[in-house]
Amino acid sequence: MISPVAVSGMAVAAANGRKAGRREVTAESNAVKRAHELRALGLKPADIGKMIGSSRATVYRYLSMGSGELA
């Protein structure tokens, strides 16, 4: 249950163009594109994660986004 004060605060924020919650990661994200580029070079997901600052599981999720084809 969310307190009425929090609800009113979120309503004011929404009226000012702010969204609540975590930002969505899309296939257009720089980290996702970089993960695809590094994978195309033959790097392992664990190594890619170290390079882009994400976990191996996150790298697998990024690699599953989009077709992975570079334009």
PDB file of N, CA and C in Angstrom:
ATOM      1  N   MET A   1       0.845  -1.179   0.000  1.00  0.00           N
ATOM      2  CA  MET A   1       0.000   0.000   0.000  1.00  0.00           C
ATOM      3  C   MET A   1       0.888   1.238   0.000  1.00  0.00           C
ATOM      4  N   ILE A   2       0.589   2.153  -0.880  1.00  0.00           N
ATOM      5  CA  ILE A   2       1.362   3.384  -1.003  1.00  0.00           C
ATOM      6  C   ILE A   2       0.643   4.486  -0.240  1.00  0.00           C
ATOM      7  N   SER A   3       1.412   5.250   0.529  1.00  0.00           N
ATOM      8  CA  SER A   3       0.808   6.307   1.337  1.00  0.00           C
ATOM      9  C   SER A   3       0.232   7.405   0.448  1.00  0.00           C
ATOM     10  N   PRO A   4      -0.788   8.089   0.936  1.00  0.00           N
ATOM     11  CA  PRO A   4      -1.400   9.173   0.152  1.00  0.00           C
ATOM     12  C   PRO A   4      -0.406  10.280  -0.201  1.00  0.00           C
ATOM     13  N   VAL A   5       0.554  10.530   0.674  1.00  0.00           N
ATOM     14  CA  VAL A   5       1.558  11.557   0.402  1.00  0.00           C
ATOM     15  C   VAL A   5       2.418  11.137  -0.789  1.00  0.00           C
ATOM     16  N   ALA A   6       2.798   9.861  -0.828  1.00  0.00           N
ATOM     17  CA  ALA A   6       3.605   9.358  -1.939  1.00  0.00           C
ATOM     18  C   ALA A   6       2.813   9.392  -3.239  1.00  0.00           C
ATOM     19  N   VAL A   7       1.544   9.029  -3.169  1.00  0.00           N
ATOM     20  CA  VAL A   7       0.691   9.038  -4.361  1.00  0.00           C
ATOM     21  C   VAL A   7       0.558  10.454  -4.906  1.00  0.00           C
ATOM     22  N   SER A   8       0.345  11.420  -4.020  1.00  0.00           N
ATOM     23  CA  SER A   8       0.212  12.804  -4.485  1.00  0.00           C
ATOM     24  C   SER A   8       1.541  13.311  -5.045  1.00  0.00           C
ATOM     25  N   GLY A   9       2.638  12.901  -4.442  1.00  0.00           N
ATOM     26  CA  GLY A   9       3.953  13.294  -4.955  1.00  0.00           C
ATOM     27  C   GLY A   9       4.213  12.722  -6.332  1.00  0.00           C
ATOM     28  N   MET A  10       3.816  11.466  -6.551  1.00  0.00           N
ATOM     29  CA  MET A  10       3.992  10.848  -7.866  1.00  0.00           C
ATOM     30  C   MET A  10       3.097  11.513  -8.903  1.00  0.00           C
ATOM     31  N   ALA A  11       1.907  11.938  -8.482  1.00  0.00           N
ATOM     32  CA  ALA A  11       0.998  12.625  -9.402  1.00  0.00           C
ATOM     33  C   ALA A  11       1.579  13.969  -9.831  1.00  0.00           C
ATOM     34  N   VAL A  12       2.165  14.694  -8.888  1.00  0.00           N
ATOM     35  CA  VAL A  12       2.796  15.974  -9.213  1.00  0.00           C
ATOM     36  C   VAL A  12       3.979  15.745 -10.150  1.00  0.00           C
ATOM     37  N   ALA A  13       4.773  14.718  -9.871  1.00  0.00           N
ATOM     38  CA  ALA A  13       5.924  14.409 -10.722  1.00  0.00           C
ATOM     39  C   ALA A  13       5.469  14.033 -12.131  1.00  0.00           C
ATOM     40  N   ALA A  14       4.406  13.236 -12.231  1.00  0.00           N
ATOM     41  CA  ALA A  14       3.883  12.837 -13.540  1.00  0.00           C
ATOM     42  C   ALA A  14       3.364  14.050 -14.307  1.00  0.00           C
ATOM     43  N   ALA A  15       2.762  14.983 -13.595  1.00  0.00           N
ATOM     44  CA  ALA A  15       2.267  16.193 -14.245  1.00  0.00           C
ATOM     45  C   ALA A  15       3.417  17.030 -14.799  1.00  0.00           C
ATOM     46  N   ASN A  16       4.590  16.886 -14.187  1.00  0.00           N
ATOM     47  CA  ASN A  16       5.777  17.616 -14.647  1.00  0.00           C
ATOM     48  C   ASN A  16       6.605  16.804 -15.639  1.00  0.00           C
ATOM     49  N   GLY A  17       6.061  15.680 -16.103  1.00  0.00           N
ATOM     50  CA  GLY A  17       6.745  14.890 -17.114  1.00  0.00           C
ATOM     51  C   GLY A  17       7.704  13.847 -16.585  1.00  0.00           C
ATOM     52  N   ARG A  18       7.694  13.574 -15.302  1.00  0.00           N
ATOM     53  CA  ARG A  18       8.587  12.582 -14.707  1.00  0.00           C
ATOM     54  C   ARG A  18       7.870  11.245 -14.597  1.00  0.00           C
ATOM     55  N   LYS A  19       8.618  10.163 -14.788  1.00  0.00           N
ATOM     56  CA  LYS A  19       8.053   8.829 -14.648  1.00  0.00           C
ATOM     57  C   LYS A  19       8.662   8.152 -13.432  1.00  0.00           C
ATOM     58  N   ALA A  20       7.874   7.352 -12.756  1.00  0.00           N
ATOM     59  CA  ALA A  20       8.368   6.593 -11.615  1.00  0.00           C
ATOM     60  C   ALA A  20       8.942   5.273 -12.109  1.00  0.00           C
ATOM     61  N   GLY A  21       9.897   4.746 -11.399  1.00  0.00           N
ATOM     62  CA  GLY A  21      10.443   3.435 -11.733  1.00  0.00           C
ATOM     63  C   GLY A  21      11.767   3.503 -12.468  1.00  0.00           C
ATOM     64  N   ARG A  22      12.248   2.325 -12.790  1.00  0.00           N
ATOM     65  CA  ARG A  22      13.539   2.185 -13.443  1.00  0.00           C
ATOM     66  C   ARG A  22      13.423   2.462 -14.937  1.00  0.00           C
ATOM     67  N   ARG A  23      14.463   3.026 -15.511  1.00  0.00           N
ATOM     68  CA  ARG A  23      14.456   3.309 -16.944  1.00  0.00           C
ATOM     69  C   ARG A  23      14.506   2.013 -17.732  1.00  0.00           C
ATOM     70  N   GLU A  24      13.816   2.002 -18.849  1.00  0.00           N
ATOM     71  CA  GLU A  24      13.749   0.820 -19.692  1.00  0.00           C
ATOM     72  C   GLU A  24      15.006   0.729 -20.554  1.00  0.00           C
ATOM     73  N   VAL A  25      15.530  -0.492 -20.685  1.00  0.00           N
ATOM     74  CA  VAL A  25      16.678  -0.732 -21.555  1.00  0.00           C
ATOM     75  C   VAL A  25      16.154  -1.330 -22.849  1.00  0.00           C
ATOM     76  N   THR A  26      16.489  -0.691 -23.966  1.00  0.00           N
ATOM     77  CA  THR A  26      16.020  -1.164 -25.263  1.00  0.00           C
ATOM     78  C   THR A  26      17.204  -1.651 -26.089  1.00  0.00           C
ATOM     79  N   ALA A  27      16.899  -2.230 -27.226  1.00  0.00           N
ATOM     80  CA  ALA A  27      17.944  -2.713 -28.128  1.00  0.00           C
ATOM     81  C   ALA A  27      18.764  -1.554 -28.683  1.00  0.00           C
ATOM     82  N   GLU A  28      18.256  -0.334 -28.564  1.00  0.00           N
ATOM     83  CA  GLU A  28      18.971   0.847 -29.058  1.00  0.00           C
ATOM     84  C   GLU A  28      19.961   1.389 -28.033  1.00  0.00           C
ATOM     85  N   SER A  29      19.966   0.835 -26.830  1.00  0.00           N
ATOM     86  CA  SER A  29      20.849   1.298 -25.767  1.00  0.00           C
ATOM     87  C   SER A  29      22.312   1.082 -26.142  1.00  0.00           C
ATOM     88  N   ASN A  30      23.164   2.003 -25.704  1.00  0.00           N
ATOM     89  CA  ASN A  30      24.594   1.899 -26.011  1.00  0.00           C
ATOM     90  C   ASN A  30      25.206   0.622 -25.450  1.00  0.00           C
ATOM     91  N   ALA A  31      24.821   0.231 -24.234  1.00  0.00           N
ATOM     92  CA  ALA A  31      25.381  -0.975 -23.628  1.00  0.00           C
ATOM     93  C   ALA A  31      24.986  -2.219 -24.417  1.00  0.00           C
ATOM     94  N   VAL A  32      23.755  -2.254 -24.908  1.00  0.00           N
ATOM     95  CA  VAL A  32      23.287  -3.401 -25.690  1.00  0.00           C
ATOM     96  C   VAL A  32      24.044  -3.466 -27.012  1.00  0.00           C
ATOM     97  N   LYS A  33      24.199  -2.331 -27.659  1.00  0.00           N
ATOM     98  CA  LYS A  33      24.938  -2.296 -28.926  1.00  0.00           C
ATOM     99  C   LYS A  33      26.384  -2.718 -28.720  1.00  0.00           C
ATOM    100  N   ARG A  34      26.995  -2.234 -27.646  1.00  0.00           N
ATOM    101  CA  ARG A  34      28.393  -2.576 -27.357  1.00  0.00           C
ATOM    102  C   ARG A  34      28.531  -4.064 -27.066  1.00  0.00           C
ATOM    103  N   ALA A  35      27.579  -4.645 -26.341  1.00  0.00           N
ATOM    104  CA  ALA A  35      27.621  -6.079 -26.051  1.00  0.00           C
ATOM    105  C   ALA A  35      27.567  -6.885 -27.340  1.00  0.00           C
ATOM    106  N   HIS A  36      26.726  -6.478 -28.280  1.00  0.00           N
ATOM    107  CA  HIS A  36      26.636  -7.170 -29.570  1.00  0.00           C
ATOM    108  C   HIS A  36      27.936  -7.028 -30.362  1.00  0.00           C
ATOM    109  N   GLU A  37      28.526  -5.840 -30.317  1.00  0.00           N
ATOM    110  CA  GLU A  37      29.788  -5.625 -31.033  1.00  0.00           C
ATOM    111  C   GLU A  37      30.890  -6.517 -30.479  1.00  0.00           C
ATOM    112  N   LEU A  38      30.992  -6.572 -29.153  1.00  0.00           N
ATOM    113  CA  LEU A  38      32.042  -7.371 -28.525  1.00  0.00           C
ATOM    114  C   LEU A  38      31.816  -8.858 -28.747  1.00  0.00           C
ATOM    115  N   ARG A  39      30.559  -9.277 -28.755  1.00  0.00           N
ATOM    116  CA  ARG A  39      30.257 -10.690 -29.012  1.00  0.00           C
ATOM    117  C   ARG A  39      30.632 -11.057 -30.445  1.00  0.00           C
ATOM    118  N   ALA A  40      30.421 -10.127 -31.374  1.00  0.00           N
ATOM    119  CA  ALA A  40      30.788 -10.369 -32.770  1.00  0.00           C
ATOM    120  C   ALA A  40      32.296 -10.532 -32.924  1.00  0.00           C
ATOM    121  N   LEU A  41      33.047  -9.942 -31.996  1.00  0.00           N
ATOM    122  CA  LEU A  41      34.503 -10.089 -32.012  1.00  0.00           C
ATOM    123  C   LEU A  41      34.951 -11.400 -31.376  1.00  0.00           C
ATOM    124  N   GLY A  42      34.000 -12.149 -30.817  1.00  0.00           N
ATOM    125  CA  GLY A  42      34.311 -13.456 -30.254  1.00  0.00           C
ATOM    126  C   GLY A  42      34.568 -13.478 -28.761  1.00  0.00           C
ATOM    127  N   LEU A  43      34.267 -12.390 -28.052  1.00  0.00           N
ATOM    128  CA  LEU A  43      34.486 -12.371 -26.610  1.00  0.00           C
ATOM    129  C   LEU A  43      33.415 -13.164 -25.886  1.00  0.00           C
ATOM    130  N   LYS A  44      33.774 -13.681 -24.717  1.00  0.00           N
ATOM    131  CA  LYS A  44      32.838 -14.435 -23.885  1.00  0.00           C
ATOM    132  C   LYS A  44      31.956 -13.454 -23.109  1.00  0.00           C
ATOM    133  N   PRO A  45      30.729 -13.876 -22.777  1.00  0.00           N
ATOM    134  CA  PRO A  45      29.827 -12.989 -22.028  1.00  0.00           C
ATOM    135  C   PRO A  45      30.412 -12.480 -20.709  1.00  0.00           C
ATOM    136  N   ALA A  46      31.168 -13.299 -20.003  1.00  0.00           N
ATOM    137  CA  ALA A  46      31.766 -12.842 -18.747  1.00  0.00           C
ATOM    138  C   ALA A  46      32.761 -11.714 -19.000  1.00  0.00           C
ATOM    139  N   ASP A  47      33.547 -11.831 -20.071  1.00  0.00           N
ATOM    140  CA  ASP A  47      34.512 -10.788 -20.413  1.00  0.00           C
ATOM    141  C   ASP A  47      33.808  -9.519 -20.886  1.00  0.00           C
ATOM    142  N   ILE A  48      32.730  -9.690 -21.632  1.00  0.00           N
ATOM    143  CA  ILE A  48      31.944  -8.538 -22.091  1.00  0.00           C
ATOM    144  C   ILE A  48      31.383  -7.793 -20.883  1.00  0.00           C
ATOM    145  N   GLY A  49      30.881  -8.546 -19.910  1.00  0.00           N
ATOM    146  CA  GLY A  49      30.333  -7.934 -18.705  1.00  0.00           C
ATOM    147  C   GLY A  49      31.354  -7.096 -17.964  1.00  0.00           C
ATOM    148  N   LYS A  50      32.578  -7.592 -17.879  1.00  0.00           N
ATOM    149  CA  LYS A  50      33.633  -6.831 -17.212  1.00  0.00           C
ATOM    150  C   LYS A  50      33.938  -5.545 -17.969  1.00  0.00           C
ATOM    151  N   MET A  51      33.883  -5.611 -19.281  1.00  0.00           N
ATOM    152  CA  MET A  51      34.216  -4.435 -20.096  1.00  0.00           C
ATOM    153  C   MET A  51      33.134  -3.359 -20.050  1.00  0.00           C
ATOM    154  N   ILE A  52      31.859  -3.777 -20.014  1.00  0.00           N
ATOM    155  CA  ILE A  52      30.781  -2.778 -20.027  1.00  0.00           C
ATOM    156  C   ILE A  52      30.233  -2.491 -18.631  1.00  0.00           C
ATOM    157  N   GLY A  53      30.758  -3.208 -17.619  1.00  0.00           N
ATOM    158  CA  GLY A  53      30.342  -2.947 -16.244  1.00  0.00           C
ATOM    159  C   GLY A  53      29.015  -3.566 -15.864  1.00  0.00           C
ATOM    160  N   SER A  54      28.719  -4.736 -16.437  1.00  0.00           N
ATOM    161  CA  SER A  54      27.469  -5.438 -16.135  1.00  0.00           C
ATOM    162  C   SER A  54      27.778  -6.878 -15.761  1.00  0.00           C
ATOM    163  N   SER A  55      26.799  -7.554 -15.206  1.00  0.00           N
ATOM    164  CA  SER A  55      26.976  -8.959 -14.864  1.00  0.00           C
ATOM    165  C   SER A  55      26.847  -9.825 -16.112  1.00  0.00           C
ATOM    166  N   ARG A  56      27.302 -11.056 -15.991  1.00  0.00           N
ATOM    167  CA  ARG A  56      27.218 -11.997 -17.106  1.00  0.00           C
ATOM    168  C   ARG A  56      25.763 -12.231 -17.484  1.00  0.00           C
ATOM    169  N   ALA A  57      24.886 -12.330 -16.493  1.00  0.00           N
ATOM    170  CA  ALA A  57      23.460 -12.548 -16.757  1.00  0.00           C
ATOM    171  C   ALA A  57      22.864 -11.370 -17.529  1.00  0.00           C
ATOM    172  N   THR A  58      23.274 -10.160 -17.183  1.00  0.00           N
ATOM    173  CA  THR A  58      22.795  -8.983 -17.898  1.00  0.00           C
ATOM    174  C   THR A  58      23.281  -8.998 -19.336  1.00  0.00           C
ATOM    175  N   VAL A  59      24.524  -9.435 -19.550  1.00  0.00           N
ATOM    176  CA  VAL A  59      25.054  -9.523 -20.914  1.00  0.00           C
ATOM    177  C   VAL A  59      24.227 -10.501 -21.726  1.00  0.00           C
ATOM    178  N   TYR A  60      23.876 -11.644 -21.149  1.00  0.00           N
ATOM    179  CA  TYR A  60      23.036 -12.608 -21.866  1.00  0.00           C
ATOM    180  C   TYR A  60      21.690 -11.983 -22.227  1.00  0.00           C
ATOM    181  N   ARG A  61      21.124 -11.182 -21.308  1.00  0.00           N
ATOM    182  CA  ARG A  61      19.851 -10.521 -21.590  1.00  0.00           C
ATOM    183  C   ARG A  61      20.020  -9.498 -22.714  1.00  0.00           C
ATOM    184  N   TYR A  62      21.118  -8.744 -22.679  1.00  0.00           N
ATOM    185  CA  TYR A  62      21.388  -7.780 -23.743  1.00  0.00           C
ATOM    186  C   TYR A  62      21.545  -8.476 -25.086  1.00  0.00           C
ATOM    187  N   LEU A  63      22.245  -9.610 -25.103  1.00  0.00           N
ATOM    188  CA  LEU A  63      22.475 -10.325 -26.355  1.00  0.00           C
ATOM    189  C   LEU A  63      21.188 -10.912 -26.920  1.00  0.00           C
ATOM    190  N   SER A  64      20.208 -11.155 -26.051  1.00  0.00           N
ATOM    191  CA  SER A  64      18.932 -11.683 -26.535  1.00  0.00           C
ATOM    192  C   SER A  64      18.045 -10.583 -27.120  1.00  0.00           C
ATOM    193  N   MET A  65      18.408  -9.330 -26.868  1.00  0.00           N
ATOM    194  CA  MET A  65      17.638  -8.199 -27.401  1.00  0.00           C
ATOM    195  C   MET A  65      18.043  -7.928 -28.837  1.00  0.00           C
ATOM    196  N   GLY A  66      17.082  -7.709 -29.689  1.00  0.00           N
ATOM    197  CA  GLY A  66      17.371  -7.346 -31.069  1.00  0.00           C
ATOM    198  C   GLY A  66      17.991  -8.484 -31.844  1.00  0.00           C
ATOM    199  N   SER A  67      18.286  -8.210 -33.081  1.00  0.00           N
ATOM    200  CA  SER A  67      18.818  -9.246 -33.959  1.00  0.00           C
ATOM    201  C   SER A  67      20.314  -9.401 -33.804  1.00  0.00           C
ATOM    202  N   GLY A  68      20.975  -8.384 -33.270  1.00  0.00           N
ATOM    203  CA  GLY A  68      22.412  -8.449 -33.120  1.00  0.00           C
ATOM    204  C   GLY A  68      23.162  -8.055 -34.372  1.00  0.00           C
ATOM    205  N   GLU A  69      22.433  -7.718 -35.434  1.00  0.00           N
ATOM    206  CA  GLU A  69      23.080  -7.297 -36.671  1.00  0.00           C
ATOM    207  C   GLU A  69      23.504  -5.844 -36.541  1.00  0.00           C
ATOM    208  N   LEU A  70      24.715  -5.574 -36.940  1.00  0.00           N
ATOM    209  CA  LEU A  70      25.214  -4.211 -36.871  1.00  0.00           C
ATOM    210  C   LEU A  70      24.930  -3.501 -38.176  1.00  0.00           C
ATOM    211  N   ALA A  71      24.458  -2.269 -38.074  1.00  0.00           N
ATOM    212  CA  ALA A  71      24.111  -1.505 -39.278  1.00  0.00           C
ATOM    213  C   ALA A  71      25.318  -0.808 -39.848  1.00  0.00           C
TER     214      ALA A  71
END
